[in-house]
């Protein structure tokens, strides 16, 4: 069982930056693919970025490519999402997830990001 806790969300203005963190606890941490998802108000959840256990394989949604950076520090059991040049359309609840392949079994409770124009 893995427990995930996100932090770092908040209210910012257009063009600002935020760094989200996701700390994992529990067993079998190191082998999981980690991902960030987000759910904008009134919309479905969407994938934002993924990172392999080793960090060698990374994927970004087109909407955040060049602005967001996913990284992980396995020694700290933490996954990060550095978000730069934030836009109002980035407003959402951001979720961290762990899994194998394309199946995400463990989810955090979410952290809210609001970007004002």
PDB file of N, CA and C in Angstrom:
ATOM      1  N   UNK A   1       0.845  -1.188   0.000  1.00  0.00           N
ATOM      2  CA  UNK A   1       0.000   0.000   0.000  1.00  0.00           C
ATOM      3  C   UNK A   1       0.884   1.243   0.000  1.00  0.00           C
ATOM      4  N   UNK A   2       0.501   2.230  -0.787  1.00  0.00           N
ATOM      5  CA  UNK A   2       1.240   3.485  -0.876  1.00  0.00           C
ATOM      6  C   UNK A   2       0.294   4.639  -0.577  1.00  0.00           C
ATOM      7  N   UNK A   3       0.726   5.549   0.248  1.00  0.00           N
ATOM      8  CA  UNK A   3      -0.040   6.759   0.527  1.00  0.00           C
ATOM      9  C   UNK A   3       0.691   7.953  -0.072  1.00  0.00           C
ATOM     10  N   UNK A   4      -0.079   8.825  -0.719  1.00  0.00           N
ATOM     11  CA  UNK A   4       0.478   9.995  -1.389  1.00  0.00           C
ATOM     12  C   UNK A   4      -0.133  11.263  -0.819  1.00  0.00           C
ATOM     13  N   UNK A   5       0.703  12.245  -0.543  1.00  0.00           N
ATOM     14  CA  UNK A   5       0.230  13.522  -0.021  1.00  0.00           C
ATOM     15  C   UNK A   5       0.842  14.644  -0.841  1.00  0.00           C
ATOM     16  N   UNK A   6      -0.030  15.420  -1.502  1.00  0.00           N
ATOM     17  CA  UNK A   6       0.429  16.556  -2.308  1.00  0.00           C
ATOM     18  C   UNK A   6       0.428  17.831  -1.471  1.00  0.00           C
ATOM     19  N   UNK A   7       1.260  18.765  -1.887  1.00  0.00           N
ATOM     20  CA  UNK A   7       1.292  20.087  -1.271  1.00  0.00           C
ATOM     21  C   UNK A   7       1.848  21.081  -2.282  1.00  0.00           C
ATOM     22  N   UNK A   8       1.693  22.357  -1.958  1.00  0.00           N
ATOM     23  CA  UNK A   8       2.292  23.389  -2.801  1.00  0.00           C
ATOM     24  C   UNK A   8       1.326  24.198  -3.628  1.00  0.00           C
ATOM     25  N   UNK A   9       0.052  23.822  -3.616  1.00  0.00           N
ATOM     26  CA  UNK A   9      -0.918  24.584  -4.387  1.00  0.00           C
ATOM     27  C   UNK A   9      -1.191  25.938  -3.753  1.00  0.00           C
ATOM     28  N   UNK A  10      -1.945  26.760  -4.477  1.00  0.00           N
ATOM     29  CA  UNK A  10      -2.282  28.069  -3.945  1.00  0.00           C
ATOM     30  C   UNK A  10      -2.873  28.962  -4.991  1.00  0.00           C
ATOM     31  N   UNK A  11      -3.036  30.232  -4.624  1.00  0.00           N
ATOM     32  CA  UNK A  11      -3.573  31.255  -5.520  1.00  0.00           C
ATOM     33  C   UNK A  11      -2.420  32.122  -6.008  1.00  0.00           C
ATOM     34  N   UNK A  12      -2.263  32.173  -7.320  1.00  0.00           N
ATOM     35  CA  UNK A  12      -1.188  32.965  -7.915  1.00  0.00           C
ATOM     36  C   UNK A  12      -1.746  33.771  -9.080  1.00  0.00           C
ATOM     37  N   UNK A  13      -0.902  34.645  -9.611  1.00  0.00           N
ATOM     38  CA  UNK A  13      -1.298  35.446 -10.761  1.00  0.00           C
ATOM     39  C   UNK A  13      -0.691  34.886 -12.042  1.00  0.00           C
ATOM     40  N   UNK A  14      -1.262  35.275 -13.157  1.00  0.00           N
ATOM     41  CA  UNK A  14      -0.738  34.858 -14.453  1.00  0.00           C
ATOM     42  C   UNK A  14       0.745  35.182 -14.554  1.00  0.00           C
ATOM     43  N   UNK A  15       1.517  34.194 -15.015  1.00  0.00           N
ATOM     44  CA  UNK A  15       2.947  34.360 -15.158  1.00  0.00           C
ATOM     45  C   UNK A  15       3.761  33.915 -13.963  1.00  0.00           C
ATOM     46  N   UNK A  16       3.115  33.669 -12.852  1.00  0.00           N
ATOM     47  CA  UNK A  16       3.821  33.224 -11.648  1.00  0.00           C
ATOM     48  C   UNK A  16       4.226  31.758 -11.754  1.00  0.00           C
ATOM     49  N   UNK A  17       4.954  31.311 -10.745  1.00  0.00           N
ATOM     50  CA  UNK A  17       5.413  29.920 -10.681  1.00  0.00           C
ATOM     51  C   UNK A  17       4.970  29.283  -9.372  1.00  0.00           C
ATOM     52  N   UNK A  18       4.817  27.972  -9.405  1.00  0.00           N
ATOM     53  CA  UNK A  18       4.541  27.171  -8.221  1.00  0.00           C
ATOM     54  C   UNK A  18       5.284  25.849  -8.363  1.00  0.00           C
ATOM     55  N   UNK A  19       5.631  25.268  -7.223  1.00  0.00           N
ATOM     56  CA  UNK A  19       6.180  23.923  -7.250  1.00  0.00           C
ATOM     57  C   UNK A  19       5.321  23.033  -6.375  1.00  0.00           C
ATOM     58  N   UNK A  20       4.759  22.015  -6.981  1.00  0.00           N
ATOM     59  CA  UNK A  20       3.978  21.033  -6.250  1.00  0.00           C
ATOM     60  C   UNK A  20       4.892  19.882  -5.823  1.00  0.00           C
ATOM     61  N   UNK A  21       4.584  19.332  -4.658  1.00  0.00           N
ATOM     62  CA  UNK A  21       5.331  18.187  -4.150  1.00  0.00           C
ATOM     63  C   UNK A  21       4.359  17.067  -3.835  1.00  0.00           C
ATOM     64  N   UNK A  22       4.829  15.852  -3.974  1.00  0.00           N
ATOM     65  CA  UNK A  22       4.035  14.669  -3.647  1.00  0.00           C
ATOM     66  C   UNK A  22       4.942  13.710  -2.895  1.00  0.00           C
ATOM     67  N   UNK A  23       4.633  13.525  -1.618  1.00  0.00           N
ATOM     68  CA  UNK A  23       5.438  12.646  -0.776  1.00  0.00           C
ATOM     69  C   UNK A  23       4.734  11.307  -0.626  1.00  0.00           C
ATOM     70  N   UNK A  24       5.489  10.240  -0.832  1.00  0.00           N
ATOM     71  CA  UNK A  24       4.948   8.888  -0.743  1.00  0.00           C
ATOM     72  C   UNK A  24       5.393   8.204   0.533  1.00  0.00           C
ATOM     73  N   UNK A  25       4.516   7.399   1.065  1.00  0.00           N
ATOM     74  CA  UNK A  25       4.860   6.552   2.197  1.00  0.00           C
ATOM     75  C   UNK A  25       4.256   5.182   1.959  1.00  0.00           C
ATOM     76  N   UNK A  26       4.794   4.194   2.620  1.00  0.00           N
ATOM     77  CA  UNK A  26       4.298   2.844   2.444  1.00  0.00           C
ATOM     78  C   UNK A  26       5.333   1.958   1.759  1.00  0.00           C
ATOM     79  N   UNK A  27       4.874   0.863   1.219  1.00  0.00           N
ATOM     80  CA  UNK A  27       5.780  -0.151   0.695  1.00  0.00           C
ATOM     81  C   UNK A  27       5.928  -0.068  -0.821  1.00  0.00           C
ATOM     82  N   UNK A  28       7.004  -0.619  -1.324  1.00  0.00           N
ATOM     83  CA  UNK A  28       7.233  -0.761  -2.762  1.00  0.00           C
ATOM     84  C   UNK A  28       7.198   0.568  -3.485  1.00  0.00           C
ATOM     85  N   UNK A  29       7.753   1.575  -2.866  1.00  0.00           N
ATOM     86  CA  UNK A  29       7.712   2.905  -3.468  1.00  0.00           C
ATOM     87  C   UNK A  29       8.498   2.987  -4.760  1.00  0.00           C
ATOM     88  N   UNK A  30       9.714   2.476  -4.765  1.00  0.00           N
ATOM     89  CA  UNK A  30      10.695   2.879  -5.758  1.00  0.00           C
ATOM     90  C   UNK A  30      10.382   2.404  -7.160  1.00  0.00           C
ATOM     91  N   UNK A  31       9.531   1.426  -7.341  1.00  0.00           N
ATOM     92  CA  UNK A  31       9.351   0.864  -8.674  1.00  0.00           C
ATOM     93  C   UNK A  31       8.236   1.526  -9.481  1.00  0.00           C
ATOM     94  N   UNK A  32       7.515   2.442  -8.881  1.00  0.00           N
ATOM     95  CA  UNK A  32       6.334   2.969  -9.544  1.00  0.00           C
ATOM     96  C   UNK A  32       6.632   4.111 -10.501  1.00  0.00           C
ATOM     97  N   UNK A  33       5.875   4.127 -11.573  1.00  0.00           N
ATOM     98  CA  UNK A  33       5.789   5.321 -12.415  1.00  0.00           C
ATOM     99  C   UNK A  33       4.980   6.355 -11.629  1.00  0.00           C
ATOM    100  N   UNK A  34       5.397   7.597 -11.702  1.00  0.00           N
ATOM    101  CA  UNK A  34       4.663   8.666 -11.033  1.00  0.00           C
ATOM    102  C   UNK A  34       4.075   9.617 -12.074  1.00  0.00           C
ATOM    103  N   UNK A  35       2.968  10.206 -11.729  1.00  0.00           N
ATOM    104  CA  UNK A  35       2.299  11.107 -12.670  1.00  0.00           C
ATOM    105  C   UNK A  35       1.591  12.216 -11.924  1.00  0.00           C
ATOM    106  N   UNK A  36       1.415  13.312 -12.626  1.00  0.00           N
ATOM    107  CA  UNK A  36       0.556  14.397 -12.160  1.00  0.00           C
ATOM    108  C   UNK A  36      -0.634  14.487 -13.118  1.00  0.00           C
ATOM    109  N   UNK A  37      -1.800  14.552 -12.528  1.00  0.00           N
ATOM    110  CA  UNK A  37      -3.039  14.786 -13.257  1.00  0.00           C
ATOM    111  C   UNK A  37      -3.633  16.093 -12.731  1.00  0.00           C
ATOM    112  N   UNK A  38      -4.600  16.607 -13.476  1.00  0.00           N
ATOM    113  CA  UNK A  38      -5.329  17.772 -12.970  1.00  0.00           C
ATOM    114  C   UNK A  38      -6.775  17.707 -13.435  1.00  0.00           C
ATOM    115  N   UNK A  39      -7.637  18.326 -12.643  1.00  0.00           N
ATOM    116  CA  UNK A  39      -9.046  18.402 -12.995  1.00  0.00           C
ATOM    117  C   UNK A  39      -9.493  19.849 -12.890  1.00  0.00           C
ATOM    118  N   UNK A  40      -9.657  20.519 -14.022  1.00  0.00           N
ATOM    119  CA  UNK A  40     -10.140  21.902 -14.007  1.00  0.00           C
ATOM    120  C   UNK A  40     -11.598  21.947 -13.565  1.00  0.00           C
ATOM    121  N   UNK A  41     -12.077  23.074 -13.097  1.00  0.00           N
ATOM    122  CA  UNK A  41     -13.469  23.186 -12.655  1.00  0.00           C
ATOM    123  C   UNK A  41     -14.439  22.816 -13.762  1.00  0.00           C
ATOM    124  N   UNK A  42     -15.336  21.892 -13.481  1.00  0.00           N
ATOM    125  CA  UNK A  42     -16.352  21.502 -14.441  1.00  0.00           C
ATOM    126  C   UNK A  42     -15.867  20.645 -15.590  1.00  0.00           C
ATOM    127  N   UNK A  43     -14.625  20.189 -15.521  1.00  0.00           N
ATOM    128  CA  UNK A  43     -14.076  19.387 -16.607  1.00  0.00           C
ATOM    129  C   UNK A  43     -13.567  18.049 -16.093  1.00  0.00           C
ATOM    130  N   UNK A  44     -13.230  17.180 -17.018  1.00  0.00           N
ATOM    131  CA  UNK A  44     -12.725  15.866 -16.642  1.00  0.00           C
ATOM    132  C   UNK A  44     -11.239  15.944 -16.269  1.00  0.00           C
ATOM    133  N   UNK A  45     -10.810  14.963 -15.533  1.00  0.00           N
ATOM    134  CA  UNK A  45      -9.409  14.878 -15.149  1.00  0.00           C
ATOM    135  C   UNK A  45      -8.549  14.588 -16.374  1.00  0.00           C
ATOM    136  N   UNK A  46      -7.390  15.205 -16.413  1.00  0.00           N
ATOM    137  CA  UNK A  46      -6.479  14.999 -17.541  1.00  0.00           C
ATOM    138  C   UNK A  46      -5.068  14.779 -17.035  1.00  0.00           C
ATOM    139  N   UNK A  47      -4.308  14.041 -17.817  1.00  0.00           N
ATOM    140  CA  UNK A  47      -2.923  13.780 -17.477  1.00  0.00           C
ATOM    141  C   UNK A  47      -2.067  14.990 -17.842  1.00  0.00           C
ATOM    142  N   UNK A  48      -1.146  15.329 -16.954  1.00  0.00           N
ATOM    143  CA  UNK A  48      -0.277  16.493 -17.156  1.00  0.00           C
ATOM    144  C   UNK A  48       1.147  16.070 -17.479  1.00  0.00           C
ATOM    145  N   UNK A  49       1.689  15.147 -16.681  1.00  0.00           N
ATOM    146  CA  UNK A  49       3.072  14.720 -16.871  1.00  0.00           C
ATOM    147  C   UNK A  49       3.288  13.380 -16.187  1.00  0.00           C
ATOM    148  N   UNK A  50       4.205  12.600 -16.728  1.00  0.00           N
ATOM    149  CA  UNK A  50       4.560  11.317 -16.123  1.00  0.00           C
ATOM    150  C   UNK A  50       6.077  11.187 -16.090  1.00  0.00           C
ATOM    151  N   UNK A  51       6.554  10.373 -15.143  1.00  0.00           N
ATOM    152  CA  UNK A  51       7.990  10.134 -15.019  1.00  0.00           C
ATOM    153  C   UNK A  51       8.218   8.699 -14.566  1.00  0.00           C
ATOM    154  N   UNK A  52       9.157   8.042 -15.215  1.00  0.00           N
ATOM    155  CA  UNK A  52       9.483   6.675 -14.839  1.00  0.00           C
ATOM    156  C   UNK A  52      10.223   6.655 -13.509  1.00  0.00           C
ATOM    157  N   UNK A  53      10.369   5.466 -12.969  1.00  0.00           N
ATOM    158  CA  UNK A  53      11.066   5.339 -11.688  1.00  0.00           C
ATOM    159  C   UNK A  53      12.489   5.895 -11.767  1.00  0.00           C
ATOM    160  N   UNK A  54      13.184   5.610 -12.861  1.00  0.00           N
ATOM    161  CA  UNK A  54      14.565   6.062 -13.006  1.00  0.00           C
ATOM    162  C   UNK A  54      14.657   7.530 -13.403  1.00  0.00           C
ATOM    163  N   UNK A  55      13.548   8.062 -13.891  1.00  0.00           N
ATOM    164  CA  UNK A  55      13.569   9.446 -14.363  1.00  0.00           C
ATOM    165  C   UNK A  55      13.993   9.585 -15.813  1.00  0.00           C
ATOM    166  N   UNK A  56      14.302   8.469 -16.457  1.00  0.00           N
ATOM    167  CA  UNK A  56      14.786   8.525 -17.840  1.00  0.00           C
ATOM    168  C   UNK A  56      13.662   8.760 -18.843  1.00  0.00           C
ATOM    169  N   UNK A  57      12.481   8.390 -18.493  1.00  0.00           N
ATOM    170  CA  UNK A  57      11.359   8.529 -19.412  1.00  0.00           C
ATOM    171  C   UNK A  57      10.355   9.520 -18.843  1.00  0.00           C
ATOM    172  N   UNK A  58      10.140  10.609 -19.560  1.00  0.00           N
ATOM    173  CA  UNK A  58       9.245  11.670 -19.119  1.00  0.00           C
ATOM    174  C   UNK A  58       8.312  12.039 -20.255  1.00  0.00           C
ATOM    175  N   UNK A  59       7.077  12.330 -19.901  1.00  0.00           N
ATOM    176  CA  UNK A  59       6.071  12.737 -20.899  1.00  0.00           C
ATOM    177  C   UNK A  59       5.327  13.952 -20.355  1.00  0.00           C
ATOM    178  N   UNK A  60       4.985  14.864 -21.254  1.00  0.00           N
ATOM    179  CA  UNK A  60       4.190  16.039 -20.898  1.00  0.00           C
ATOM    180  C   UNK A  60       3.012  16.185 -21.847  1.00  0.00           C
ATOM    181  N   UNK A  61       1.916  16.661 -21.315  1.00  0.00           N
ATOM    182  CA  UNK A  61       0.812  17.075 -22.163  1.00  0.00           C
ATOM    183  C   UNK A  61       1.250  18.300 -22.971  1.00  0.00           C
ATOM    184  N   UNK A  62       0.728  18.416 -24.174  1.00  0.00           N
ATOM    185  CA  UNK A  62       1.104  19.541 -25.040  1.00  0.00           C
ATOM    186  C   UNK A  62       0.813  20.887 -24.382  1.00  0.00           C
ATOM    187  N   UNK A  63      -0.236  20.930 -23.585  1.00  0.00           N
ATOM    188  CA  UNK A  63      -0.663  22.191 -22.981  1.00  0.00           C
ATOM    189  C   UNK A  63       0.327  22.734 -21.952  1.00  0.00           C
ATOM    190  N   UNK A  64       1.212  21.882 -21.447  1.00  0.00           N
ATOM    191  CA  UNK A  64       2.152  22.331 -20.412  1.00  0.00           C
ATOM    192  C   UNK A  64       3.609  22.202 -20.848  1.00  0.00           C
ATOM    193  N   UNK A  65       3.832  21.626 -22.003  1.00  0.00           N
ATOM    194  CA  UNK A  65       5.199  21.397 -22.480  1.00  0.00           C
ATOM    195  C   UNK A  65       5.952  22.721 -22.578  1.00  0.00           C
ATOM    196  N   UNK A  66       7.157  22.738 -22.027  1.00  0.00           N
ATOM    197  CA  UNK A  66       7.959  23.950 -22.033  1.00  0.00           C
ATOM    198  C   UNK A  66       7.729  24.848 -20.832  1.00  0.00           C
ATOM    199  N   UNK A  67       6.668  24.601 -20.084  1.00  0.00           N
ATOM    200  CA  UNK A  67       6.368  25.421 -18.899  1.00  0.00           C
ATOM    201  C   UNK A  67       6.459  24.613 -17.606  1.00  0.00           C
ATOM    202  N   UNK A  68       6.113  23.345 -17.655  1.00  0.00           N
ATOM    203  CA  UNK A  68       6.111  22.486 -16.475  1.00  0.00           C
ATOM    204  C   UNK A  68       7.268  21.504 -16.556  1.00  0.00           C
ATOM    205  N   UNK A  69       7.797  21.142 -15.394  1.00  0.00           N
ATOM    206  CA  UNK A  69       8.867  20.151 -15.309  1.00  0.00           C
ATOM    207  C   UNK A  69       8.557  19.170 -14.187  1.00  0.00           C
ATOM    208  N   UNK A  70       8.508  17.902 -14.533  1.00  0.00           N
ATOM    209  CA  UNK A  70       8.301  16.854 -13.529  1.00  0.00           C
ATOM    210  C   UNK A  70       9.661  16.271 -13.166  1.00  0.00           C
ATOM    211  N   UNK A  71       9.840  15.967 -11.896  1.00  0.00           N
ATOM    212  CA  UNK A  71      11.081  15.353 -11.441  1.00  0.00           C
ATOM    213  C   UNK A  71      10.782  14.523 -10.196  1.00  0.00           C
ATOM    214  N   UNK A  72      11.724  13.706  -9.811  1.00  0.00           N
ATOM    215  CA  UNK A  72      11.523  12.903  -8.606  1.00  0.00           C
ATOM    216  C   UNK A  72      12.845  12.700  -7.904  1.00  0.00           C
ATOM    217  N   UNK A  73      12.771  12.590  -6.592  1.00  0.00           N
ATOM    218  CA  UNK A  73      13.909  12.281  -5.742  1.00  0.00           C
ATOM    219  C   UNK A  73      13.532  11.044  -4.953  1.00  0.00           C
ATOM    220  N   UNK A  74      13.977   9.910  -5.428  1.00  0.00           N
ATOM    221  CA  UNK A  74      13.574   8.659  -4.796  1.00  0.00           C
ATOM    222  C   UNK A  74      14.104   8.535  -3.364  1.00  0.00           C
ATOM    223  N   UNK A  75      15.221   9.166  -3.076  1.00  0.00           N
ATOM    224  CA  UNK A  75      15.760   9.115  -1.714  1.00  0.00           C
ATOM    225  C   UNK A  75      14.832   9.839  -0.730  1.00  0.00           C
ATOM    226  N   UNK A  76      14.069  10.795  -1.234  1.00  0.00           N
ATOM    227  CA  UNK A  76      13.110  11.523  -0.406  1.00  0.00           C
ATOM    228  C   UNK A  76      11.680  11.066  -0.649  1.00  0.00           C
ATOM    229  N   UNK A  77      11.524  10.085  -1.530  1.00  0.00           N
ATOM    230  CA  UNK A  77      10.191   9.578  -1.861  1.00  0.00           C
ATOM    231  C   UNK A  77       9.264  10.715  -2.297  1.00  0.00           C
ATOM    232  N   UNK A  78       9.793  11.602  -3.080  1.00  0.00           N
ATOM    233  CA  UNK A  78       9.040  12.796  -3.466  1.00  0.00           C
ATOM    234  C   UNK A  78       9.098  13.005  -4.976  1.00  0.00           C
ATOM    235  N   UNK A  79       7.949  13.376  -5.518  1.00  0.00           N
ATOM    236  CA  UNK A  79       7.827  13.761  -6.916  1.00  0.00           C
ATOM    237  C   UNK A  79       7.425  15.229  -6.949  1.00  0.00           C
ATOM    238  N   UNK A  80       7.998  15.954  -7.872  1.00  0.00           N
ATOM    239  CA  UNK A  80       7.757  17.391  -7.965  1.00  0.00           C
ATOM    240  C   UNK A  80       7.129  17.745  -9.310  1.00  0.00           C
ATOM    241  N   UNK A  81       6.415  18.844  -9.303  1.00  0.00           N
ATOM    242  CA  UNK A  81       5.948  19.441 -10.554  1.00  0.00           C
ATOM    243  C   UNK A  81       6.239  20.931 -10.460  1.00  0.00           C
ATOM    244  N   UNK A  82       7.268  21.365 -11.166  1.00  0.00           N
ATOM    245  CA  UNK A  82       7.592  22.769 -11.243  1.00  0.00           C
ATOM    246  C   UNK A  82       6.751  23.389 -12.343  1.00  0.00           C
ATOM    247  N   UNK A  83       5.967  24.382 -11.987  1.00  0.00           N
ATOM    248  CA  UNK A  83       5.055  25.011 -12.939  1.00  0.00           C
ATOM    249  C   UNK A  83       5.444  26.473 -13.101  1.00  0.00           C
ATOM    250  N   UNK A  84       5.875  26.824 -14.283  1.00  0.00           N
ATOM    251  CA  UNK A  84       6.275  28.192 -14.592  1.00  0.00           C
ATOM    252  C   UNK A  84       5.312  28.826 -15.580  1.00  0.00           C
ATOM    253  N   UNK A  85       5.315  30.148 -15.631  1.00  0.00           N
ATOM    254  CA  UNK A  85       4.478  30.889 -16.575  1.00  0.00           C
ATOM    255  C   UNK A  85       3.029  30.392 -16.517  1.00  0.00           C
ATOM    256  N   UNK A  86       2.490  30.366 -15.327  1.00  0.00           N
ATOM    257  CA  UNK A  86       1.141  29.838 -15.135  1.00  0.00           C
ATOM    258  C   UNK A  86       0.103  30.706 -15.821  1.00  0.00           C
ATOM    259  N   UNK A  87      -0.930  30.039 -16.324  1.00  0.00           N
ATOM    260  CA  UNK A  87      -2.007  30.698 -17.044  1.00  0.00           C
ATOM    261  C   UNK A  87      -3.331  30.379 -16.352  1.00  0.00           C
ATOM    262  N   UNK A  88      -4.348  31.205 -16.564  1.00  0.00           N
ATOM    263  CA  UNK A  88      -5.655  30.912 -15.949  1.00  0.00           C
ATOM    264  C   UNK A  88      -6.172  29.514 -16.298  1.00  0.00           C
ATOM    265  N   UNK A  89      -5.864  29.028 -17.479  1.00  0.00           N
ATOM    266  CA  UNK A  89      -6.328  27.695 -17.870  1.00  0.00           C
ATOM    267  C   UNK A  89      -5.611  26.571 -17.127  1.00  0.00           C
ATOM    268  N   UNK A  90      -4.590  26.899 -16.351  1.00  0.00           N
ATOM    269  CA  UNK A  90      -3.935  25.902 -15.497  1.00  0.00           C
ATOM    270  C   UNK A  90      -4.671  25.722 -14.170  1.00  0.00           C
ATOM    271  N   UNK A  91      -5.687  26.538 -13.930  1.00  0.00           N
ATOM    272  CA  UNK A  91      -6.465  26.414 -12.707  1.00  0.00           C
ATOM    273  C   UNK A  91      -7.123  25.046 -12.628  1.00  0.00           C
ATOM    274  N   UNK A  92      -6.865  24.333 -11.536  1.00  0.00           N
ATOM    275  CA  UNK A  92      -7.372  22.963 -11.400  1.00  0.00           C
ATOM    276  C   UNK A  92      -6.971  22.426 -10.034  1.00  0.00           C
ATOM    277  N   UNK A  93      -7.545  21.282  -9.708  1.00  0.00           N
ATOM    278  CA  UNK A  93      -7.028  20.492  -8.603  1.00  0.00           C
ATOM    279  C   UNK A  93      -6.013  19.527  -9.198  1.00  0.00           C
ATOM    280  N   UNK A  94      -4.817  19.529  -8.646  1.00  0.00           N
ATOM    281  CA  UNK A  94      -3.729  18.700  -9.151  1.00  0.00           C
ATOM    282  C   UNK A  94      -3.567  17.479  -8.255  1.00  0.00           C
ATOM    283  N   UNK A  95      -3.479  16.321  -8.910  1.00  0.00           N
ATOM    284  CA  UNK A  95      -3.367  15.055  -8.209  1.00  0.00           C
ATOM    285  C   UNK A  95      -2.069  14.350  -8.590  1.00  0.00           C
ATOM    286  N   UNK A  96      -1.461  13.751  -7.609  1.00  0.00           N
ATOM    287  CA  UNK A  96      -0.309  12.886  -7.822  1.00  0.00           C
ATOM    288  C   UNK A  96      -0.812  11.445  -7.859  1.00  0.00           C
ATOM    289  N   UNK A  97      -0.197  10.622  -8.706  1.00  0.00           N
ATOM    290  CA  UNK A  97      -0.600   9.225  -8.804  1.00  0.00           C
ATOM    291  C   UNK A  97       0.625   8.352  -9.044  1.00  0.00           C
ATOM    292  N   UNK A  98       0.552   7.134  -8.512  1.00  0.00           N
ATOM    293  CA  UNK A  98       1.618   6.142  -8.710  1.00  0.00           C
ATOM    294  C   UNK A  98       1.011   4.900  -9.330  1.00  0.00           C
ATOM    295  N   UNK A  99       1.765   4.256 -10.182  1.00  0.00           N
ATOM    296  CA  UNK A  99       1.258   3.030 -10.770  1.00  0.00           C
ATOM    297  C   UNK A  99       2.307   2.293 -11.562  1.00  0.00           C
ATOM    298  N   UNK A 100       1.833   1.325 -12.328  1.00  0.00           N
ATOM    299  CA  UNK A 100       2.699   0.529 -13.195  1.00  0.00           C
ATOM    300  C   UNK A 100       2.150   0.619 -14.606  1.00  0.00           C
ATOM    301  N   UNK A 101       3.011   0.885 -15.544  1.00  0.00           N
ATOM    302  CA  UNK A 101       2.539   1.043 -16.904  1.00  0.00           C
ATOM    303  C   UNK A 101       1.606   2.231 -17.003  1.00  0.00           C
ATOM    304  N   UNK A 102       0.443   2.023 -17.569  1.00  0.00           N
ATOM    305  CA  UNK A 102      -0.550   3.097 -17.692  1.00  0.00           C
ATOM    306  C   UNK A 102      -1.682   2.963 -16.687  1.00  0.00           C
ATOM    307  N   UNK A 103      -1.491   2.120 -15.695  1.00  0.00           N
ATOM    308  CA  UNK A 103      -2.511   1.927 -14.678  1.00  0.00           C
ATOM    309  C   UNK A 103      -2.048   2.558 -13.378  1.00  0.00           C
ATOM    310  N   UNK A 104      -2.798   3.531 -12.911  1.00  0.00           N
ATOM    311  CA  UNK A 104      -2.444   4.246 -11.682  1.00  0.00           C
ATOM    312  C   UNK A 104      -3.334   3.767 -10.550  1.00  0.00           C
ATOM    313  N   UNK A 105      -2.687   3.145  -9.584  1.00  0.00           N
ATOM    314  CA  UNK A 105      -3.394   2.499  -8.490  1.00  0.00           C
ATOM    315  C   UNK A 105      -3.560   3.414  -7.284  1.00  0.00           C
ATOM    316  N   UNK A 106      -2.567   4.243  -7.047  1.00  0.00           N
ATOM    317  CA  UNK A 106      -2.550   5.062  -5.834  1.00  0.00           C
ATOM    318  C   UNK A 106      -2.659   6.540  -6.200  1.00  0.00           C
ATOM    319  N   UNK A 107      -3.507   7.239  -5.450  1.00  0.00           N
ATOM    320  CA  UNK A 107      -3.780   8.641  -5.729  1.00  0.00           C
ATOM    321  C   UNK A 107      -3.692   9.455  -4.449  1.00  0.00           C
ATOM    322  N   UNK A 108      -3.237  10.701  -4.595  1.00  0.00           N
ATOM    323  CA  UNK A 108      -3.286  11.625  -3.478  1.00  0.00           C
ATOM    324  C   UNK A 108      -4.641  12.301  -3.394  1.00  0.00           C
ATOM    325  N   UNK A 109      -4.778  13.181  -2.412  1.00  0.00           N
ATOM    326  CA  UNK A 109      -6.054  13.850  -2.179  1.00  0.00           C
ATOM    327  C   UNK A 109      -6.217  15.106  -3.018  1.00  0.00           C
ATOM    328  N   UNK A 110      -5.129  15.554  -3.617  1.00  0.00           N
ATOM    329  CA  UNK A 110      -5.192  16.714  -4.493  1.00  0.00           C
ATOM    330  C   UNK A 110      -4.790  18.002  -3.805  1.00  0.00           C
ATOM    331  N   UNK A 111      -4.266  18.919  -4.601  1.00  0.00           N
ATOM    332  CA  UNK A 111      -3.934  20.259  -4.117  1.00  0.00           C
ATOM    333  C   UNK A 111      -4.437  21.257  -5.162  1.00  0.00           C
ATOM    334  N   UNK A 112      -5.076  22.299  -4.694  1.00  0.00           N
ATOM    335  CA  UNK A 112      -5.746  23.234  -5.607  1.00  0.00           C
ATOM    336  C   UNK A 112      -4.793  24.328  -6.056  1.00  0.00           C
ATOM    337  N   UNK A 113      -4.816  24.572  -7.352  1.00  0.00           N
ATOM    338  CA  UNK A 113      -4.047  25.666  -7.945  1.00  0.00           C
ATOM    339  C   UNK A 113      -5.025  26.603  -8.645  1.00  0.00           C
ATOM    340  N   UNK A 114      -4.979  27.861  -8.273  1.00  0.00           N
ATOM    341  CA  UNK A 114      -5.834  28.866  -8.896  1.00  0.00           C
ATOM    342  C   UNK A 114      -4.958  29.971  -9.462  1.00  0.00           C
ATOM    343  N   UNK A 115      -5.122  30.234 -10.748  1.00  0.00           N
ATOM    344  CA  UNK A 115      -4.330  31.265 -11.414  1.00  0.00           C
ATOM    345  C   UNK A 115      -5.271  32.388 -11.840  1.00  0.00           C
ATOM    346  N   UNK A 116      -5.062  33.549 -11.277  1.00  0.00           N
ATOM    347  CA  UNK A 116      -5.920  34.689 -11.606  1.00  0.00           C
ATOM    348  C   UNK A 116      -5.336  35.464 -12.782  1.00  0.00           C
ATOM    349  N   UNK A 117      -6.230  36.057 -13.562  1.00  0.00           N
ATOM    350  CA  UNK A 117      -5.788  36.822 -14.743  1.00  0.00           C
ATOM    351  C   UNK A 117      -5.540  38.275 -14.410  1.00  0.00           C
TER     352      UNK A 117
END
